[in-house]
Amino acid sequence: MAELTPIHQEILRILKQKDSSYASPVRSQEIGDALNVSPSYVREMTALLRGLGLVQVRRGRGGGYYLNNVLGSNATHS
């Protein structure tokens, strides 16, 4: 399994803190603002999280990222 970097852990923390879900995803712009990084960097970093099944994406208008419900709160523990 790939090692999560501090930025990955922070993205997971933000998604948990904001109670992200399919109905209420968090935009990459909002995550980027919280971490003081660009939205494109957030999208790049979430690719690993998506690949690991920790995060899912809702595409289109009103879309964003949310924690995988199957993992529940365990997703943010290292």
N, C-alpha and C. Protein backbone atom coordinates (compact mmCIF):
# COMPACT_ATOMS: atom_id res chain seq x y z
N MET A 1 0.85 -1.18 0.00
CA MET A 1 0.00 0.00 0.00
C MET A 1 0.89 1.24 0.00
N ALA A 2 0.50 2.23 -0.74
CA ALA A 2 1.27 3.47 -0.84
C ALA A 2 1.24 4.23 0.49
N GLU A 3 2.33 4.89 0.77
CA GLU A 3 2.45 5.70 1.99
C GLU A 3 1.76 7.04 1.78
N LEU A 4 0.92 7.42 2.74
CA LEU A 4 0.25 8.71 2.65
C LEU A 4 1.17 9.80 3.19
N THR A 5 1.30 10.86 2.43
CA THR A 5 2.11 12.00 2.85
C THR A 5 1.26 12.91 3.74
N PRO A 6 1.88 13.88 4.39
CA PRO A 6 1.10 14.81 5.21
C PRO A 6 -0.01 15.53 4.42
N ILE A 7 0.22 15.85 3.15
CA ILE A 7 -0.81 16.53 2.37
C ILE A 7 -2.00 15.62 2.15
N HIS A 8 -1.75 14.33 1.92
CA HIS A 8 -2.84 13.37 1.77
C HIS A 8 -3.65 13.28 3.07
N GLN A 9 -2.94 13.22 4.18
CA GLN A 9 -3.61 13.14 5.48
C GLN A 9 -4.44 14.39 5.75
N GLU A 10 -3.93 15.54 5.34
CA GLU A 10 -4.68 16.79 5.53
C GLU A 10 -5.94 16.82 4.66
N ILE A 11 -5.85 16.32 3.45
CA ILE A 11 -7.02 16.27 2.58
C ILE A 11 -8.08 15.38 3.23
N LEU A 12 -7.68 14.23 3.74
CA LEU A 12 -8.63 13.33 4.41
C LEU A 12 -9.24 14.01 5.64
N ARG A 13 -8.41 14.74 6.39
CA ARG A 13 -8.90 15.44 7.58
C ARG A 13 -9.96 16.47 7.21
N ILE A 14 -9.69 17.23 6.15
CA ILE A 14 -10.64 18.26 5.71
C ILE A 14 -11.95 17.62 5.26
N LEU A 15 -11.86 16.54 4.51
CA LEU A 15 -13.08 15.87 4.05
C LEU A 15 -13.90 15.34 5.22
N LYS A 16 -13.21 14.84 6.23
CA LYS A 16 -13.92 14.35 7.42
C LYS A 16 -14.53 15.52 8.19
N GLN A 17 -13.74 16.57 8.39
CA GLN A 17 -14.19 17.74 9.15
C GLN A 17 -15.42 18.38 8.51
N LYS A 18 -15.49 18.38 7.20
CA LYS A 18 -16.60 19.01 6.48
C LYS A 18 -17.75 18.03 6.23
N ASP A 19 -17.70 16.85 6.84
CA ASP A 19 -18.74 15.84 6.67
C ASP A 19 -19.07 15.60 5.20
N SER A 20 -18.05 15.39 4.42
CA SER A 20 -18.24 15.19 2.98
C SER A 20 -19.05 13.93 2.71
N SER A 21 -19.86 13.99 1.68
CA SER A 21 -20.65 12.84 1.24
C SER A 21 -20.98 13.06 -0.23
N TYR A 22 -21.61 12.07 -0.86
CA TYR A 22 -22.00 12.23 -2.25
C TYR A 22 -22.92 13.44 -2.40
N ALA A 23 -23.81 13.61 -1.44
CA ALA A 23 -24.76 14.73 -1.48
C ALA A 23 -24.10 16.06 -1.14
N SER A 24 -22.96 16.00 -0.47
CA SER A 24 -22.27 17.23 -0.04
C SER A 24 -20.76 17.09 -0.24
N PRO A 25 -20.31 17.03 -1.50
CA PRO A 25 -18.86 16.89 -1.74
C PRO A 25 -18.13 18.21 -1.50
N VAL A 26 -16.83 18.11 -1.33
CA VAL A 26 -15.99 19.29 -1.11
C VAL A 26 -15.18 19.56 -2.38
N ARG A 27 -15.29 20.77 -2.90
CA ARG A 27 -14.59 21.15 -4.14
C ARG A 27 -13.08 21.25 -3.92
N SER A 28 -12.33 21.00 -4.98
CA SER A 28 -10.88 21.09 -4.89
C SER A 28 -10.44 22.52 -4.56
N GLN A 29 -11.20 23.51 -4.99
CA GLN A 29 -10.90 24.91 -4.67
C GLN A 29 -10.98 25.13 -3.16
N GLU A 30 -12.00 24.57 -2.53
CA GLU A 30 -12.19 24.73 -1.08
C GLU A 30 -11.07 24.03 -0.30
N ILE A 31 -10.69 22.84 -0.75
CA ILE A 31 -9.59 22.12 -0.10
C ILE A 31 -8.29 22.89 -0.31
N GLY A 32 -8.07 23.36 -1.53
CA GLY A 32 -6.87 24.13 -1.84
C GLY A 32 -6.76 25.40 -1.00
N ASP A 33 -7.88 26.10 -0.82
CA ASP A 33 -7.87 27.31 0.01
C ASP A 33 -7.48 26.97 1.45
N ALA A 34 -8.01 25.87 1.96
CA ALA A 34 -7.70 25.48 3.34
C ALA A 34 -6.23 25.10 3.52
N LEU A 35 -5.63 24.55 2.46
CA LEU A 35 -4.24 24.10 2.54
C LEU A 35 -3.24 25.08 1.91
N ASN A 36 -3.76 26.15 1.34
CA ASN A 36 -2.93 27.15 0.68
C ASN A 36 -2.14 26.55 -0.50
N VAL A 37 -2.86 25.73 -1.27
CA VAL A 37 -2.29 25.15 -2.50
C VAL A 37 -3.31 25.32 -3.62
N SER A 38 -2.89 25.08 -4.84
CA SER A 38 -3.79 25.26 -5.99
C SER A 38 -4.77 24.08 -6.10
N PRO A 39 -5.94 24.35 -6.67
CA PRO A 39 -6.91 23.26 -6.89
C PRO A 39 -6.35 22.14 -7.77
N SER A 40 -5.51 22.48 -8.74
CA SER A 40 -4.93 21.44 -9.60
C SER A 40 -4.00 20.52 -8.79
N TYR A 41 -3.29 21.06 -7.82
CA TYR A 41 -2.44 20.24 -6.95
C TYR A 41 -3.30 19.32 -6.09
N VAL A 42 -4.43 19.83 -5.61
CA VAL A 42 -5.36 19.01 -4.83
C VAL A 42 -5.85 17.85 -5.70
N ARG A 43 -6.22 18.13 -6.93
CA ARG A 43 -6.69 17.08 -7.83
C ARG A 43 -5.61 16.03 -8.07
N GLU A 44 -4.38 16.49 -8.20
CA GLU A 44 -3.26 15.57 -8.39
C GLU A 44 -3.07 14.67 -7.16
N MET A 45 -3.17 15.25 -5.98
CA MET A 45 -2.98 14.50 -4.74
C MET A 45 -4.14 13.55 -4.46
N THR A 46 -5.34 13.92 -4.85
CA THR A 46 -6.49 13.05 -4.60
C THR A 46 -6.50 11.84 -5.52
N ALA A 47 -5.73 11.88 -6.59
CA ALA A 47 -5.66 10.73 -7.49
C ALA A 47 -5.18 9.49 -6.74
N LEU A 48 -4.18 9.63 -5.88
CA LEU A 48 -3.70 8.51 -5.08
C LEU A 48 -4.78 8.05 -4.10
N LEU A 49 -5.44 9.00 -3.45
CA LEU A 49 -6.48 8.66 -2.48
C LEU A 49 -7.64 7.93 -3.16
N ARG A 50 -7.96 8.36 -4.36
CA ARG A 50 -9.01 7.68 -5.13
C ARG A 50 -8.56 6.27 -5.49
N GLY A 51 -7.32 6.14 -5.91
CA GLY A 51 -6.78 4.84 -6.28
C GLY A 51 -6.76 3.86 -5.12
N LEU A 52 -6.57 4.37 -3.92
CA LEU A 52 -6.57 3.53 -2.72
C LEU A 52 -7.99 3.25 -2.21
N GLY A 53 -8.97 3.90 -2.82
CA GLY A 53 -10.35 3.69 -2.39
C GLY A 53 -10.75 4.47 -1.16
N LEU A 54 -9.94 5.45 -0.76
CA LEU A 54 -10.24 6.25 0.43
C LEU A 54 -11.21 7.39 0.12
N VAL A 55 -11.14 7.89 -1.12
CA VAL A 55 -11.91 9.05 -1.53
C VAL A 55 -12.62 8.73 -2.83
N GLN A 56 -13.81 9.27 -2.98
CA GLN A 56 -14.55 9.16 -4.24
C GLN A 56 -14.79 10.56 -4.77
N VAL A 57 -15.16 10.62 -6.04
CA VAL A 57 -15.37 11.92 -6.68
C VAL A 57 -16.77 11.96 -7.28
N ARG A 58 -17.40 13.10 -7.13
CA ARG A 58 -18.67 13.36 -7.81
C ARG A 58 -18.37 14.38 -8.88
N ARG A 59 -18.55 14.01 -10.11
CA ARG A 59 -18.20 14.87 -11.24
C ARG A 59 -19.33 15.82 -11.59
N GLY A 60 -18.96 16.86 -12.33
CA GLY A 60 -19.95 17.79 -12.84
C GLY A 60 -20.26 18.94 -11.92
N ARG A 61 -21.28 19.69 -12.30
CA ARG A 61 -21.68 20.87 -11.53
C ARG A 61 -22.06 20.45 -10.11
N GLY A 62 -21.51 21.14 -9.14
CA GLY A 62 -21.77 20.80 -7.74
C GLY A 62 -20.96 19.61 -7.26
N GLY A 63 -19.99 19.18 -8.06
CA GLY A 63 -19.20 18.02 -7.71
C GLY A 63 -18.04 18.34 -6.79
N GLY A 64 -17.33 17.32 -6.43
CA GLY A 64 -16.17 17.46 -5.55
C GLY A 64 -15.77 16.10 -5.01
N TYR A 65 -15.07 16.10 -3.89
CA TYR A 65 -14.54 14.89 -3.29
C TYR A 65 -15.26 14.59 -1.99
N TYR A 66 -15.34 13.30 -1.68
CA TYR A 66 -15.94 12.87 -0.42
C TYR A 66 -15.31 11.56 0.01
N LEU A 67 -15.37 11.31 1.32
CA LEU A 67 -14.80 10.08 1.86
C LEU A 67 -15.62 8.88 1.43
N ASN A 68 -14.95 7.78 1.21
CA ASN A 68 -15.62 6.54 0.86
C ASN A 68 -16.40 6.05 2.08
N ASN A 69 -17.72 5.96 1.98
CA ASN A 69 -18.57 5.56 3.10
C ASN A 69 -18.26 4.18 3.63
N VAL A 70 -17.76 3.30 2.79
CA VAL A 70 -17.45 1.94 3.22
C VAL A 70 -16.40 1.95 4.32
N LEU A 71 -15.50 2.91 4.27
CA LEU A 71 -14.41 2.98 5.24
C LEU A 71 -14.79 3.74 6.49
N GLY A 72 -15.81 4.57 6.43
CA GLY A 72 -16.24 5.34 7.59
C GLY A 72 -15.13 6.19 8.17
N SER A 73 -15.11 6.32 9.48
CA SER A 73 -14.14 7.19 10.14
C SER A 73 -12.74 6.62 10.15
N ASN A 74 -12.56 5.34 9.84
CA ASN A 74 -11.23 4.74 9.81
C ASN A 74 -10.36 5.30 8.69
N ALA A 75 -10.97 5.96 7.73
CA ALA A 75 -10.23 6.46 6.57
C ALA A 75 -9.19 7.50 6.93
N THR A 76 -9.37 8.18 8.03
CA THR A 76 -8.43 9.26 8.37
C THR A 76 -7.43 8.85 9.43
N HIS A 77 -7.44 7.60 9.85
CA HIS A 77 -6.46 7.14 10.84
C HIS A 77 -5.28 6.53 10.14
N SER A 78 -4.07 6.86 10.63
CA SER A 78 -2.88 6.28 10.01
C SER A 78 -2.29 5.22 10.88
